[in-house]
């Protein structure tokens, strides 16, 4: 039996985001983000990937949460969402999480999306 490729999708918990702040897409809100993430998860699952979601805060527990999830199983890919990468105010958190992934899942391919709706394309590029 062939191994099902597993992907960890890391993103900020949308309920913690103030979407009125600079750096977030106009008109975006938690409901839209959750809908996009659910759609991406369903698309990836339909393509045969095992998907786990990992929502973090803005840094109080983010590193520990990601590390704990990475230590539970081996992931073939780790996608770090645009909300963690694109907004300049999250730069240090993004850098910390890259290092947590590197230390705890060195075999995993790292993927980046631009919005939830291109998550599957990002994963397919590398995993």
PDB file of N, CA and C in Angstrom:
ATOM      1  N   UNK A   1       0.842  -1.182   0.000  1.00  0.00           N
ATOM      2  CA  UNK A   1       0.000   0.000   0.000  1.00  0.00           C
ATOM      3  C   UNK A   1       0.884   1.241   0.000  1.00  0.00           C
ATOM      4  N   UNK A   2       0.538   2.212  -0.830  1.00  0.00           N
ATOM      5  CA  UNK A   2       1.321   3.441  -0.936  1.00  0.00           C
ATOM      6  C   UNK A   2       1.026   4.362   0.241  1.00  0.00           C
ATOM      7  N   UNK A   3       2.070   5.019   0.704  1.00  0.00           N
ATOM      8  CA  UNK A   3       1.969   5.967   1.803  1.00  0.00           C
ATOM      9  C   UNK A   3       1.185   7.204   1.359  1.00  0.00           C
ATOM     10  N   UNK A   4       0.150   7.566   2.110  1.00  0.00           N
ATOM     11  CA  UNK A   4      -0.597   8.785   1.827  1.00  0.00           C
ATOM     12  C   UNK A   4       0.236   9.963   2.278  1.00  0.00           C
ATOM     13  N   UNK A   5       0.476  10.914   1.394  1.00  0.00           N
ATOM     14  CA  UNK A   5       1.277  12.097   1.727  1.00  0.00           C
ATOM     15  C   UNK A   5       0.517  12.943   2.745  1.00  0.00           C
ATOM     16  N   UNK A   6       1.232  13.365   3.789  1.00  0.00           N
ATOM     17  CA  UNK A   6       0.586  14.146   4.844  1.00  0.00           C
ATOM     18  C   UNK A   6       1.104  15.580   4.838  1.00  0.00           C
ATOM     19  N   UNK A   7       0.180  16.491   5.110  1.00  0.00           N
ATOM     20  CA  UNK A   7       0.489  17.913   5.070  1.00  0.00           C
ATOM     21  C   UNK A   7      -0.045  18.582   6.336  1.00  0.00           C
ATOM     22  N   UNK A   8       0.807  19.390   6.947  1.00  0.00           N
ATOM     23  CA  UNK A   8       0.383  20.224   8.062  1.00  0.00           C
ATOM     24  C   UNK A   8       0.205  21.640   7.528  1.00  0.00           C
ATOM     25  N   UNK A   9      -0.972  22.194   7.725  1.00  0.00           N
ATOM     26  CA  UNK A   9      -1.287  23.554   7.279  1.00  0.00           C
ATOM     27  C   UNK A   9      -1.295  24.453   8.509  1.00  0.00           C
ATOM     28  N   UNK A  10      -0.343  25.384   8.553  1.00  0.00           N
ATOM     29  CA  UNK A  10      -0.188  26.277   9.697  1.00  0.00           C
ATOM     30  C   UNK A  10      -0.702  27.661   9.331  1.00  0.00           C
ATOM     31  N   UNK A  11      -1.501  28.225  10.203  1.00  0.00           N
ATOM     32  CA  UNK A  11      -2.000  29.579   9.984  1.00  0.00           C
ATOM     33  C   UNK A  11      -2.398  30.233  11.285  1.00  0.00           C
ATOM     34  N   UNK A  12      -2.535  31.533  11.229  1.00  0.00           N
ATOM     35  CA  UNK A  12      -3.036  32.261  12.389  1.00  0.00           C
ATOM     36  C   UNK A  12      -4.494  31.902  12.614  1.00  0.00           C
ATOM     37  N   UNK A  13      -4.883  31.796  13.864  1.00  0.00           N
ATOM     38  CA  UNK A  13      -6.289  31.565  14.195  1.00  0.00           C
ATOM     39  C   UNK A  13      -7.074  32.787  13.711  1.00  0.00           C
ATOM     40  N   UNK A  14      -7.956  32.621  12.734  1.00  0.00           N
ATOM     41  CA  UNK A  14      -8.664  33.773  12.176  1.00  0.00           C
ATOM     42  C   UNK A  14      -9.484  34.559  13.191  1.00  0.00           C
ATOM     43  N   UNK A  15      -9.910  33.906  14.273  1.00  0.00           N
ATOM     44  CA  UNK A  15     -10.710  34.622  15.277  1.00  0.00           C
ATOM     45  C   UNK A  15      -9.865  35.611  16.071  1.00  0.00           C
ATOM     46  N   UNK A  16      -8.541  35.503  15.981  1.00  0.00           N
ATOM     47  CA  UNK A  16      -7.652  36.410  16.710  1.00  0.00           C
ATOM     48  C   UNK A  16      -7.192  37.594  15.869  1.00  0.00           C
ATOM     49  N   UNK A  17      -7.497  37.581  14.582  1.00  0.00           N
ATOM     50  CA  UNK A  17      -6.987  38.599  13.661  1.00  0.00           C
ATOM     51  C   UNK A  17      -7.916  39.810  13.616  1.00  0.00           C
ATOM     52  N   UNK A  18      -7.326  40.987  13.701  1.00  0.00           N
ATOM     53  CA  UNK A  18      -8.048  42.237  13.466  1.00  0.00           C
ATOM     54  C   UNK A  18      -7.836  42.584  11.994  1.00  0.00           C
ATOM     55  N   UNK A  19      -8.790  42.221  11.159  1.00  0.00           N
ATOM     56  CA  UNK A  19      -8.649  42.373   9.719  1.00  0.00           C
ATOM     57  C   UNK A  19      -8.677  43.833   9.259  1.00  0.00           C
ATOM     58  N   UNK A  20      -8.968  44.755  10.181  1.00  0.00           N
ATOM     59  CA  UNK A  20      -8.942  46.166   9.811  1.00  0.00           C
ATOM     60  C   UNK A  20      -7.523  46.729   9.849  1.00  0.00           C
ATOM     61  N   UNK A  21      -6.595  45.970  10.396  1.00  0.00           N
ATOM     62  CA  UNK A  21      -5.205  46.411  10.483  1.00  0.00           C
ATOM     63  C   UNK A  21      -4.530  46.349   9.114  1.00  0.00           C
ATOM     64  N   UNK A  22      -3.537  47.212   8.897  1.00  0.00           N
ATOM     65  CA  UNK A  22      -2.803  47.163   7.625  1.00  0.00           C
ATOM     66  C   UNK A  22      -2.155  45.796   7.411  1.00  0.00           C
ATOM     67  N   UNK A  23      -2.086  45.401   6.153  1.00  0.00           N
ATOM     68  CA  UNK A  23      -1.440  44.148   5.804  1.00  0.00           C
ATOM     69  C   UNK A  23      -2.400  43.007   5.539  1.00  0.00           C
ATOM     70  N   UNK A  24      -3.686  43.200   5.866  1.00  0.00           N
ATOM     71  CA  UNK A  24      -4.681  42.159   5.602  1.00  0.00           C
ATOM     72  C   UNK A  24      -5.528  42.574   4.407  1.00  0.00           C
ATOM     73  N   UNK A  25      -5.927  41.612   3.623  1.00  0.00           N
ATOM     74  CA  UNK A  25      -6.690  41.885   2.403  1.00  0.00           C
ATOM     75  C   UNK A  25      -7.995  42.611   2.730  1.00  0.00           C
ATOM     76  N   UNK A  26      -8.320  43.630   1.963  1.00  0.00           N
ATOM     77  CA  UNK A  26      -9.583  44.339   2.177  1.00  0.00           C
ATOM     78  C   UNK A  26     -10.773  43.392   2.040  1.00  0.00           C
ATOM     79  N   UNK A  27     -11.722  43.533   2.942  1.00  0.00           N
ATOM     80  CA  UNK A  27     -12.920  42.701   2.892  1.00  0.00           C
ATOM     81  C   UNK A  27     -12.763  41.316   3.491  1.00  0.00           C
ATOM     82  N   UNK A  28     -11.562  40.972   3.931  1.00  0.00           N
ATOM     83  CA  UNK A  28     -11.328  39.646   4.510  1.00  0.00           C
ATOM     84  C   UNK A  28     -11.849  39.636   5.949  1.00  0.00           C
ATOM     85  N   UNK A  29     -12.316  38.481   6.384  1.00  0.00           N
ATOM     86  CA  UNK A  29     -12.757  38.305   7.771  1.00  0.00           C
ATOM     87  C   UNK A  29     -12.584  36.841   8.151  1.00  0.00           C
ATOM     88  N   UNK A  30     -12.801  36.548   9.430  1.00  0.00           N
ATOM     89  CA  UNK A  30     -12.573  35.190   9.936  1.00  0.00           C
ATOM     90  C   UNK A  30     -13.456  34.165   9.230  1.00  0.00           C
ATOM     91  N   UNK A  31     -14.703  34.516   8.964  1.00  0.00           N
ATOM     92  CA  UNK A  31     -15.616  33.581   8.307  1.00  0.00           C
ATOM     93  C   UNK A  31     -15.093  33.199   6.923  1.00  0.00           C
ATOM     94  N   UNK A  32     -14.614  34.187   6.174  1.00  0.00           N
ATOM     95  CA  UNK A  32     -14.079  33.919   4.839  1.00  0.00           C
ATOM     96  C   UNK A  32     -12.814  33.065   4.907  1.00  0.00           C
ATOM     97  N   UNK A  33     -11.964  33.348   5.894  1.00  0.00           N
ATOM     98  CA  UNK A  33     -10.733  32.557   6.035  1.00  0.00           C
ATOM     99  C   UNK A  33     -11.077  31.113   6.381  1.00  0.00           C
ATOM    100  N   UNK A  34     -11.958  30.907   7.357  1.00  0.00           N
ATOM    101  CA  UNK A  34     -12.344  29.535   7.721  1.00  0.00           C
ATOM    102  C   UNK A  34     -12.955  28.802   6.525  1.00  0.00           C
ATOM    103  N   UNK A  35     -13.796  29.476   5.749  1.00  0.00           N
ATOM    104  CA  UNK A  35     -14.406  28.848   4.570  1.00  0.00           C
ATOM    105  C   UNK A  35     -13.329  28.467   3.561  1.00  0.00           C
ATOM    106  N   UNK A  36     -12.349  29.351   3.352  1.00  0.00           N
ATOM    107  CA  UNK A  36     -11.263  29.058   2.412  1.00  0.00           C
ATOM    108  C   UNK A  36     -10.399  27.899   2.879  1.00  0.00           C
ATOM    109  N   UNK A  37     -10.117  27.856   4.171  1.00  0.00           N
ATOM    110  CA  UNK A  37      -9.300  26.775   4.726  1.00  0.00           C
ATOM    111  C   UNK A  37     -10.043  25.443   4.604  1.00  0.00           C
ATOM    112  N   UNK A  38     -11.340  25.455   4.907  1.00  0.00           N
ATOM    113  CA  UNK A  38     -12.142  24.224   4.796  1.00  0.00           C
ATOM    114  C   UNK A  38     -12.173  23.738   3.347  1.00  0.00           C
ATOM    115  N   UNK A  39     -12.353  24.658   2.420  1.00  0.00           N
ATOM    116  CA  UNK A  39     -12.367  24.296   1.005  1.00  0.00           C
ATOM    117  C   UNK A  39     -11.017  23.714   0.575  1.00  0.00           C
ATOM    118  N   UNK A  40      -9.924  24.343   1.019  1.00  0.00           N
ATOM    119  CA  UNK A  40      -8.584  23.842   0.688  1.00  0.00           C
ATOM    120  C   UNK A  40      -8.357  22.461   1.290  1.00  0.00           C
ATOM    121  N   UNK A  41      -8.802  22.267   2.520  1.00  0.00           N
ATOM    122  CA  UNK A  41      -8.662  20.959   3.169  1.00  0.00           C
ATOM    123  C   UNK A  41      -9.424  19.891   2.396  1.00  0.00           C
ATOM    124  N   UNK A  42     -10.645  20.211   1.975  1.00  0.00           N
ATOM    125  CA  UNK A  42     -11.448  19.259   1.201  1.00  0.00           C
ATOM    126  C   UNK A  42     -10.803  18.960  -0.146  1.00  0.00           C
ATOM    127  N   UNK A  43     -10.250  19.983  -0.798  1.00  0.00           N
ATOM    128  CA  UNK A  43      -9.591  19.777  -2.081  1.00  0.00           C
ATOM    129  C   UNK A  43      -8.373  18.871  -1.930  1.00  0.00           C
ATOM    130  N   UNK A  44      -7.553  19.145  -0.918  1.00  0.00           N
ATOM    131  CA  UNK A  44      -6.358  18.319  -0.691  1.00  0.00           C
ATOM    132  C   UNK A  44      -6.727  16.881  -0.343  1.00  0.00           C
ATOM    133  N   UNK A  45      -7.740  16.719   0.487  1.00  0.00           N
ATOM    134  CA  UNK A  45      -8.193  15.380   0.848  1.00  0.00           C
ATOM    135  C   UNK A  45      -8.677  14.638  -0.397  1.00  0.00           C
ATOM    136  N   UNK A  46      -9.410  15.349  -1.257  1.00  0.00           N
ATOM    137  CA  UNK A  46      -9.879  14.757  -2.506  1.00  0.00           C
ATOM    138  C   UNK A  46      -8.746  14.348  -3.431  1.00  0.00           C
ATOM    139  N   UNK A  47      -7.613  15.028  -3.309  1.00  0.00           N
ATOM    140  CA  UNK A  47      -6.433  14.693  -4.112  1.00  0.00           C
ATOM    141  C   UNK A  47      -5.602  13.571  -3.485  1.00  0.00           C
ATOM    142  N   UNK A  48      -6.035  13.105  -2.314  1.00  0.00           N
ATOM    143  CA  UNK A  48      -5.353  11.979  -1.681  1.00  0.00           C
ATOM    144  C   UNK A  48      -4.366  12.333  -0.587  1.00  0.00           C
ATOM    145  N   UNK A  49      -4.327  13.574  -0.177  1.00  0.00           N
ATOM    146  CA  UNK A  49      -3.430  13.983   0.912  1.00  0.00           C
ATOM    147  C   UNK A  49      -4.124  13.835   2.255  1.00  0.00           C
ATOM    148  N   UNK A  50      -3.329  13.511   3.269  1.00  0.00           N
ATOM    149  CA  UNK A  50      -3.805  13.586   4.638  1.00  0.00           C
ATOM    150  C   UNK A  50      -3.496  14.998   5.134  1.00  0.00           C
ATOM    151  N   UNK A  51      -4.499  15.692   5.641  1.00  0.00           N
ATOM    152  CA  UNK A  51      -4.338  17.091   6.009  1.00  0.00           C
ATOM    153  C   UNK A  51      -4.644  17.298   7.487  1.00  0.00           C
ATOM    154  N   UNK A  52      -3.758  18.027   8.143  1.00  0.00           N
ATOM    155  CA  UNK A  52      -4.020  18.461   9.513  1.00  0.00           C
ATOM    156  C   UNK A  52      -3.843  19.969   9.572  1.00  0.00           C
ATOM    157  N   UNK A  53      -4.744  20.608  10.300  1.00  0.00           N
ATOM    158  CA  UNK A  53      -4.694  22.060  10.461  1.00  0.00           C
ATOM    159  C   UNK A  53      -4.055  22.409  11.790  1.00  0.00           C
ATOM    160  N   UNK A  54      -3.323  23.502  11.789  1.00  0.00           N
ATOM    161  CA  UNK A  54      -2.660  23.970  13.008  1.00  0.00           C
ATOM    162  C   UNK A  54      -2.806  25.488  13.075  1.00  0.00           C
ATOM    163  N   UNK A  55      -3.751  25.948  13.889  1.00  0.00           N
ATOM    164  CA  UNK A  55      -3.954  27.382  14.051  1.00  0.00           C
ATOM    165  C   UNK A  55      -3.171  27.875  15.261  1.00  0.00           C
ATOM    166  N   UNK A  56      -2.525  29.028  15.092  1.00  0.00           N
ATOM    167  CA  UNK A  56      -1.704  29.582  16.168  1.00  0.00           C
ATOM    168  C   UNK A  56      -2.204  30.957  16.585  1.00  0.00           C
ATOM    169  N   UNK A  57      -1.655  31.411  17.712  1.00  0.00           N
ATOM    170  CA  UNK A  57      -1.865  32.790  18.122  1.00  0.00           C
ATOM    171  C   UNK A  57      -0.735  33.631  17.526  1.00  0.00           C
ATOM    172  N   UNK A  58      -0.579  34.838  18.002  1.00  0.00           N
ATOM    173  CA  UNK A  58       0.436  35.739  17.447  1.00  0.00           C
ATOM    174  C   UNK A  58       1.811  35.576  18.089  1.00  0.00           C
ATOM    175  N   UNK A  59       2.025  34.501  18.828  1.00  0.00           N
ATOM    176  CA  UNK A  59       3.359  34.229  19.328  1.00  0.00           C
ATOM    177  C   UNK A  59       3.449  33.791  20.766  1.00  0.00           C
ATOM    178  N   UNK A  60       2.403  33.977  21.539  1.00  0.00           N
ATOM    179  CA  UNK A  60       2.462  33.584  22.948  1.00  0.00           C
ATOM    180  C   UNK A  60       2.692  32.085  23.087  1.00  0.00           C
ATOM    181  N   UNK A  61       1.984  31.302  22.284  1.00  0.00           N
ATOM    182  CA  UNK A  61       2.126  29.838  22.333  1.00  0.00           C
ATOM    183  C   UNK A  61       2.389  29.231  20.957  1.00  0.00           C
ATOM    184  N   UNK A  62       2.537  30.057  19.937  1.00  0.00           N
ATOM    185  CA  UNK A  62       2.608  29.561  18.560  1.00  0.00           C
ATOM    186  C   UNK A  62       3.710  28.529  18.345  1.00  0.00           C
ATOM    187  N   UNK A  63       4.916  28.817  18.817  1.00  0.00           N
ATOM    188  CA  UNK A  63       6.022  27.886  18.608  1.00  0.00           C
ATOM    189  C   UNK A  63       5.743  26.544  19.260  1.00  0.00           C
ATOM    190  N   UNK A  64       5.237  26.560  20.482  1.00  0.00           N
ATOM    191  CA  UNK A  64       4.952  25.318  21.200  1.00  0.00           C
ATOM    192  C   UNK A  64       3.833  24.531  20.515  1.00  0.00           C
ATOM    193  N   UNK A  65       2.824  25.219  20.021  1.00  0.00           N
ATOM    194  CA  UNK A  65       1.709  24.549  19.348  1.00  0.00           C
ATOM    195  C   UNK A  65       2.196  23.856  18.081  1.00  0.00           C
ATOM    196  N   UNK A  66       2.981  24.557  17.282  1.00  0.00           N
ATOM    197  CA  UNK A  66       3.493  23.973  16.040  1.00  0.00           C
ATOM    198  C   UNK A  66       4.446  22.820  16.353  1.00  0.00           C
ATOM    199  N   UNK A  67       5.335  23.011  17.305  1.00  0.00           N
ATOM    200  CA  UNK A  67       6.274  21.961  17.671  1.00  0.00           C
ATOM    201  C   UNK A  67       5.527  20.711  18.135  1.00  0.00           C
ATOM    202  N   UNK A  68       4.526  20.874  18.954  1.00  0.00           N
ATOM    203  CA  UNK A  68       3.753  19.736  19.446  1.00  0.00           C
ATOM    204  C   UNK A  68       3.105  18.974  18.294  1.00  0.00           C
ATOM    205  N   UNK A  69       2.529  19.699  17.356  1.00  0.00           N
ATOM    206  CA  UNK A  69       1.879  19.038  16.220  1.00  0.00           C
ATOM    207  C   UNK A  69       2.905  18.298  15.355  1.00  0.00           C
ATOM    208  N   UNK A  70       4.062  18.913  15.145  1.00  0.00           N
ATOM    209  CA  UNK A  70       5.097  18.277  14.323  1.00  0.00           C
ATOM    210  C   UNK A  70       5.688  17.038  14.992  1.00  0.00           C
ATOM    211  N   UNK A  71       5.671  16.993  16.286  1.00  0.00           N
ATOM    212  CA  UNK A  71       6.231  15.848  17.000  1.00  0.00           C
ATOM    213  C   UNK A  71       5.262  14.676  17.093  1.00  0.00           C
ATOM    214  N   UNK A  72       4.009  14.899  16.751  1.00  0.00           N
ATOM    215  CA  UNK A  72       3.009  13.833  16.835  1.00  0.00           C
ATOM    216  C   UNK A  72       3.090  12.846  15.679  1.00  0.00           C
ATOM    217  N   UNK A  73       3.561  13.315  14.515  1.00  0.00           N
ATOM    218  CA  UNK A  73       3.669  12.427  13.362  1.00  0.00           C
ATOM    219  C   UNK A  73       4.609  13.040  12.342  1.00  0.00           C
ATOM    220  N   UNK A  74       4.958  12.245  11.357  1.00  0.00           N
ATOM    221  CA  UNK A  74       5.840  12.708  10.274  1.00  0.00           C
ATOM    222  C   UNK A  74       4.976  13.343   9.184  1.00  0.00           C
ATOM    223  N   UNK A  75       5.356  14.536   8.757  1.00  0.00           N
ATOM    224  CA  UNK A  75       4.657  15.232   7.680  1.00  0.00           C
ATOM    225  C   UNK A  75       5.560  15.299   6.460  1.00  0.00           C
ATOM    226  N   UNK A  76       4.965  15.087   5.308  1.00  0.00           N
ATOM    227  CA  UNK A  76       5.700  15.199   4.054  1.00  0.00           C
ATOM    228  C   UNK A  76       5.811  16.655   3.608  1.00  0.00           C
ATOM    229  N   UNK A  77       4.858  17.462   4.034  1.00  0.00           N
ATOM    230  CA  UNK A  77       4.865  18.872   3.677  1.00  0.00           C
ATOM    231  C   UNK A  77       4.285  19.714   4.794  1.00  0.00           C
ATOM    232  N   UNK A  78       4.761  20.943   4.866  1.00  0.00           N
ATOM    233  CA  UNK A  78       4.232  21.913   5.821  1.00  0.00           C
ATOM    234  C   UNK A  78       3.938  23.181   5.040  1.00  0.00           C
ATOM    235  N   UNK A  79       2.685  23.594   5.061  1.00  0.00           N
ATOM    236  CA  UNK A  79       2.297  24.836   4.414  1.00  0.00           C
ATOM    237  C   UNK A  79       2.140  25.911   5.480  1.00  0.00           C
ATOM    238  N   UNK A  80       2.804  27.026   5.278  1.00  0.00           N
ATOM    239  CA  UNK A  80       2.677  28.162   6.193  1.00  0.00           C
ATOM    240  C   UNK A  80       1.883  29.226   5.464  1.00  0.00           C
ATOM    241  N   UNK A  81       0.728  29.557   6.022  1.00  0.00           N
ATOM    242  CA  UNK A  81      -0.218  30.446   5.366  1.00  0.00           C
ATOM    243  C   UNK A  81       0.261  31.876   5.198  1.00  0.00           C
ATOM    244  N   UNK A  82      -0.366  32.541   4.240  1.00  0.00           N
ATOM    245  CA  UNK A  82      -0.002  33.911   3.881  1.00  0.00           C
ATOM    246  C   UNK A  82      -0.173  34.879   5.045  1.00  0.00           C
ATOM    247  N   UNK A  83      -1.150  34.647   5.895  1.00  0.00           N
ATOM    248  CA  UNK A  83      -1.361  35.549   7.028  1.00  0.00           C
ATOM    249  C   UNK A  83      -0.161  35.619   7.958  1.00  0.00           C
ATOM    250  N   UNK A  84       0.572  34.539   8.038  1.00  0.00           N
ATOM    251  CA  UNK A  84       1.796  34.525   8.851  1.00  0.00           C
ATOM    252  C   UNK A  84       2.983  35.124   8.118  1.00  0.00           C
ATOM    253  N   UNK A  85       2.971  35.076   6.802  1.00  0.00           N
ATOM    254  CA  UNK A  85       4.147  35.481   6.034  1.00  0.00           C
ATOM    255  C   UNK A  85       4.080  36.891   5.486  1.00  0.00           C
ATOM    256  N   UNK A  86       2.932  37.276   4.984  1.00  0.00           N
ATOM    257  CA  UNK A  86       2.843  38.490   4.183  1.00  0.00           C
ATOM    258  C   UNK A  86       2.776  39.764   5.022  1.00  0.00           C
ATOM    259  N   UNK A  87       2.062  39.734   6.118  1.00  0.00           N
ATOM    260  CA  UNK A  87       1.933  40.928   6.944  1.00  0.00           C
ATOM    261  C   UNK A  87       3.251  41.195   7.665  1.00  0.00           C
ATOM    262  N   UNK A  88       3.863  42.363   7.432  1.00  0.00           N
ATOM    263  CA  UNK A  88       5.163  42.657   8.038  1.00  0.00           C
ATOM    264  C   UNK A  88       5.175  42.567   9.573  1.00  0.00           C
ATOM    265  N   UNK A  89       4.025  42.802  10.199  1.00  0.00           N
ATOM    266  CA  UNK A  89       3.988  42.743  11.662  1.00  0.00           C
ATOM    267  C   UNK A  89       4.170  41.317  12.178  1.00  0.00           C
ATOM    268  N   UNK A  90       4.030  40.318  11.309  1.00  0.00           N
ATOM    269  CA  UNK A  90       4.186  38.915  11.705  1.00  0.00           C
ATOM    270  C   UNK A  90       5.537  38.329  11.303  1.00  0.00           C
ATOM    271  N   UNK A  91       6.435  39.166  10.826  1.00  0.00           N
ATOM    272  CA  UNK A  91       7.719  38.690  10.310  1.00  0.00           C
ATOM    273  C   UNK A  91       8.500  37.846  11.317  1.00  0.00           C
ATOM    274  N   UNK A  92       8.654  38.326  12.546  1.00  0.00           N
ATOM    275  CA  UNK A  92       9.428  37.570  13.544  1.00  0.00           C
ATOM    276  C   UNK A  92       8.762  36.248  13.893  1.00  0.00           C
ATOM    277  N   UNK A  93       7.450  36.235  13.972  1.00  0.00           N
ATOM    278  CA  UNK A  93       6.738  34.984  14.229  1.00  0.00           C
ATOM    279  C   UNK A  93       6.958  34.016  13.079  1.00  0.00           C
ATOM    280  N   UNK A  94       6.863  34.500  11.860  1.00  0.00           N
ATOM    281  CA  UNK A  94       7.109  33.650  10.689  1.00  0.00           C
ATOM    282  C   UNK A  94       8.504  33.048  10.755  1.00  0.00           C
ATOM    283  N   UNK A  95       9.492  33.868  11.060  1.00  0.00           N
ATOM    284  CA  UNK A  95      10.873  33.398  11.155  1.00  0.00           C
ATOM    285  C   UNK A  95      11.015  32.318  12.234  1.00  0.00           C
ATOM    286  N   UNK A  96      10.394  32.537  13.378  1.00  0.00           N
ATOM    287  CA  UNK A  96      10.445  31.543  14.462  1.00  0.00           C
ATOM    288  C   UNK A  96       9.809  30.226  14.027  1.00  0.00           C
ATOM    289  N   UNK A  97       8.668  30.319  13.355  1.00  0.00           N
ATOM    290  CA  UNK A  97       7.976  29.096  12.946  1.00  0.00           C
ATOM    291  C   UNK A  97       8.732  28.339  11.864  1.00  0.00           C
ATOM    292  N   UNK A  98       9.398  29.043  10.976  1.00  0.00           N
ATOM    293  CA  UNK A  98      10.250  28.365   9.987  1.00  0.00           C
ATOM    294  C   UNK A  98      11.307  27.539  10.711  1.00  0.00           C
ATOM    295  N   UNK A  99      11.898  28.097  11.740  1.00  0.00           N
ATOM    296  CA  UNK A  99      12.928  27.368  12.477  1.00  0.00           C
ATOM    297  C   UNK A  99      12.349  26.201  13.267  1.00  0.00           C
ATOM    298  N   UNK A 100      11.142  26.337  13.795  1.00  0.00           N
ATOM    299  CA  UNK A 100      10.487  25.208  14.470  1.00  0.00           C
ATOM    300  C   UNK A 100      10.246  24.082  13.472  1.00  0.00           C
ATOM    301  N   UNK A 101       9.785  24.418  12.278  1.00  0.00           N
ATOM    302  CA  UNK A 101       9.558  23.397  11.246  1.00  0.00           C
ATOM    303  C   UNK A 101      10.889  22.754  10.861  1.00  0.00           C
ATOM    304  N   UNK A 102      11.891  23.561  10.639  1.00  0.00           N
ATOM    305  CA  UNK A 102      13.206  23.045  10.241  1.00  0.00           C
ATOM    306  C   UNK A 102      13.762  22.072  11.286  1.00  0.00           C
ATOM    307  N   UNK A 103      13.619  22.410  12.550  1.00  0.00           N
ATOM    308  CA  UNK A 103      14.153  21.565  13.626  1.00  0.00           C
ATOM    309  C   UNK A 103      13.343  20.291  13.841  1.00  0.00           C
ATOM    310  N   UNK A 104      12.036  20.366  13.645  1.00  0.00           N
ATOM    311  CA  UNK A 104      11.168  19.243  14.000  1.00  0.00           C
ATOM    312  C   UNK A 104      10.663  18.432  12.815  1.00  0.00           C
ATOM    313  N   UNK A 105      10.847  18.931  11.609  1.00  0.00           N
ATOM    314  CA  UNK A 105      10.412  18.201  10.420  1.00  0.00           C
ATOM    315  C   UNK A 105      11.358  18.505   9.265  1.00  0.00           C
ATOM    316  N   UNK A 106      12.645  18.183   9.439  1.00  0.00           N
ATOM    317  CA  UNK A 106      13.614  18.537   8.397  1.00  0.00           C
ATOM    318  C   UNK A 106      13.346  17.846   7.059  1.00  0.00           C
ATOM    319  N   UNK A 107      12.609  16.749   7.052  1.00  0.00           N
ATOM    320  CA  UNK A 107      12.300  16.033   5.823  1.00  0.00           C
ATOM    321  C   UNK A 107      11.151  16.672   5.058  1.00  0.00           C
ATOM    322  N   UNK A 108      10.376  17.519   5.708  1.00  0.00           N
ATOM    323  CA  UNK A 108       9.169  18.071   5.093  1.00  0.00           C
ATOM    324  C   UNK A 108       9.495  19.160   4.076  1.00  0.00           C
ATOM    325  N   UNK A 109       8.796  19.126   2.976  1.00  0.00           N
ATOM    326  CA  UNK A 109       8.857  20.213   2.003  1.00  0.00           C
ATOM    327  C   UNK A 109       8.050  21.374   2.575  1.00  0.00           C
ATOM    328  N   UNK A 110       8.523  22.574   2.361  1.00  0.00           N
ATOM    329  CA  UNK A 110       7.825  23.758   2.855  1.00  0.00           C
ATOM    330  C   UNK A 110       7.110  24.413   1.687  1.00  0.00           C
ATOM    331  N   UNK A 111       5.840  24.730   1.912  1.00  0.00           N
ATOM    332  CA  UNK A 111       4.989  25.293   0.869  1.00  0.00           C
ATOM    333  C   UNK A 111       4.394  26.610   1.360  1.00  0.00           C
ATOM    334  N   UNK A 112       4.133  27.510   0.415  1.00  0.00           N
ATOM    335  CA  UNK A 112       3.516  28.793   0.732  1.00  0.00           C
ATOM    336  C   UNK A 112       2.351  29.043  -0.209  1.00  0.00           C
ATOM    337  N   UNK A 113       1.246  29.495   0.354  1.00  0.00           N
ATOM    338  CA  UNK A 113       0.115  29.915  -0.466  1.00  0.00           C
ATOM    339  C   UNK A 113       0.039  31.442  -0.437  1.00  0.00           C
ATOM    340  N   UNK A 114      -0.862  31.995  -1.235  1.00  0.00           N
ATOM    341  CA  UNK A 114      -1.103  33.434  -1.179  1.00  0.00           C
ATOM    342  C   UNK A 114      -2.465  33.727  -0.578  1.00  0.00           C
ATOM    343  N   UNK A 115      -3.389  32.806  -0.745  1.00  0.00           N
ATOM    344  CA  UNK A 115      -4.736  32.859  -0.175  1.00  0.00           C
ATOM    345  C   UNK A 115      -5.169  31.413   0.058  1.00  0.00           C
ATOM    346  N   UNK A 116      -6.196  31.196   0.882  1.00  0.00           N
ATOM    347  CA  UNK A 116      -6.634  29.813   1.080  1.00  0.00           C
ATOM    348  C   UNK A 116      -6.978  29.086  -0.211  1.00  0.00           C
ATOM    349  N   UNK A 117      -7.466  29.806  -1.237  1.00  0.00           N
ATOM    350  CA  UNK A 117      -7.900  29.109  -2.447  1.00  0.00           C
ATOM    351  C   UNK A 117      -6.764  28.616  -3.339  1.00  0.00           C
ATOM    352  N   UNK A 118      -5.496  28.949  -3.029  1.00  0.00           N
ATOM    353  CA  UNK A 118      -4.405  28.361  -3.810  1.00  0.00           C
ATOM    354  C   UNK A 118      -3.515  27.448  -2.960  1.00  0.00           C
ATOM    355  N   UNK A 119      -4.078  26.992  -1.857  1.00  0.00           N
ATOM    356  CA  UNK A 119      -3.348  26.082  -0.964  1.00  0.00           C
ATOM    357  C   UNK A 119      -3.002  24.767  -1.663  1.00  0.00           C
ATOM    358  N   UNK A 120      -3.975  24.169  -2.341  1.00  0.00           N
ATOM    359  CA  UNK A 120      -3.719  22.890  -3.009  1.00  0.00           C
ATOM    360  C   UNK A 120      -2.641  23.025  -4.062  1.00  0.00           C
ATOM    361  N   UNK A 121      -2.644  24.103  -4.811  1.00  0.00           N
ATOM    362  CA  UNK A 121      -1.624  24.309  -5.839  1.00  0.00           C
ATOM    363  C   UNK A 121      -0.241  24.410  -5.191  1.00  0.00           C
ATOM    364  N   UNK A 122      -0.158  25.100  -4.066  1.00  0.00           N
ATOM    365  CA  UNK A 122       1.122  25.235  -3.363  1.00  0.00           C
ATOM    366  C   UNK A 122       1.623  23.873  -2.880  1.00  0.00           C
ATOM    367  N   UNK A 123       0.740  23.064  -2.330  1.00  0.00           N
ATOM    368  CA  UNK A 123       1.114  21.732  -1.840  1.00  0.00           C
ATOM    369  C   UNK A 123       1.531  20.850  -3.015  1.00  0.00           C
ATOM    370  N   UNK A 124       0.784  20.879  -4.096  1.00  0.00           N
ATOM    371  CA  UNK A 124       1.092  20.036  -5.254  1.00  0.00           C
ATOM    372  C   UNK A 124       2.448  20.393  -5.881  1.00  0.00           C
ATOM    373  N   UNK A 125       2.888  21.642  -5.733  1.00  0.00           N
ATOM    374  CA  UNK A 125       4.189  22.011  -6.275  1.00  0.00           C
ATOM    375  C   UNK A 125       5.327  21.237  -5.605  1.00  0.00           C
ATOM    376  N   UNK A 126       5.174  20.892  -4.329  1.00  0.00           N
ATOM    377  CA  UNK A 126       6.290  20.350  -3.564  1.00  0.00           C
ATOM    378  C   UNK A 126       6.069  18.974  -2.959  1.00  0.00           C
ATOM    379  N   UNK A 127       4.833  18.583  -2.739  1.00  0.00           N
ATOM    380  CA  UNK A 127       4.578  17.322  -2.033  1.00  0.00           C
ATOM    381  C   UNK A 127       3.913  16.332  -2.973  1.00  0.00           C
TER     382      UNK A 127
END
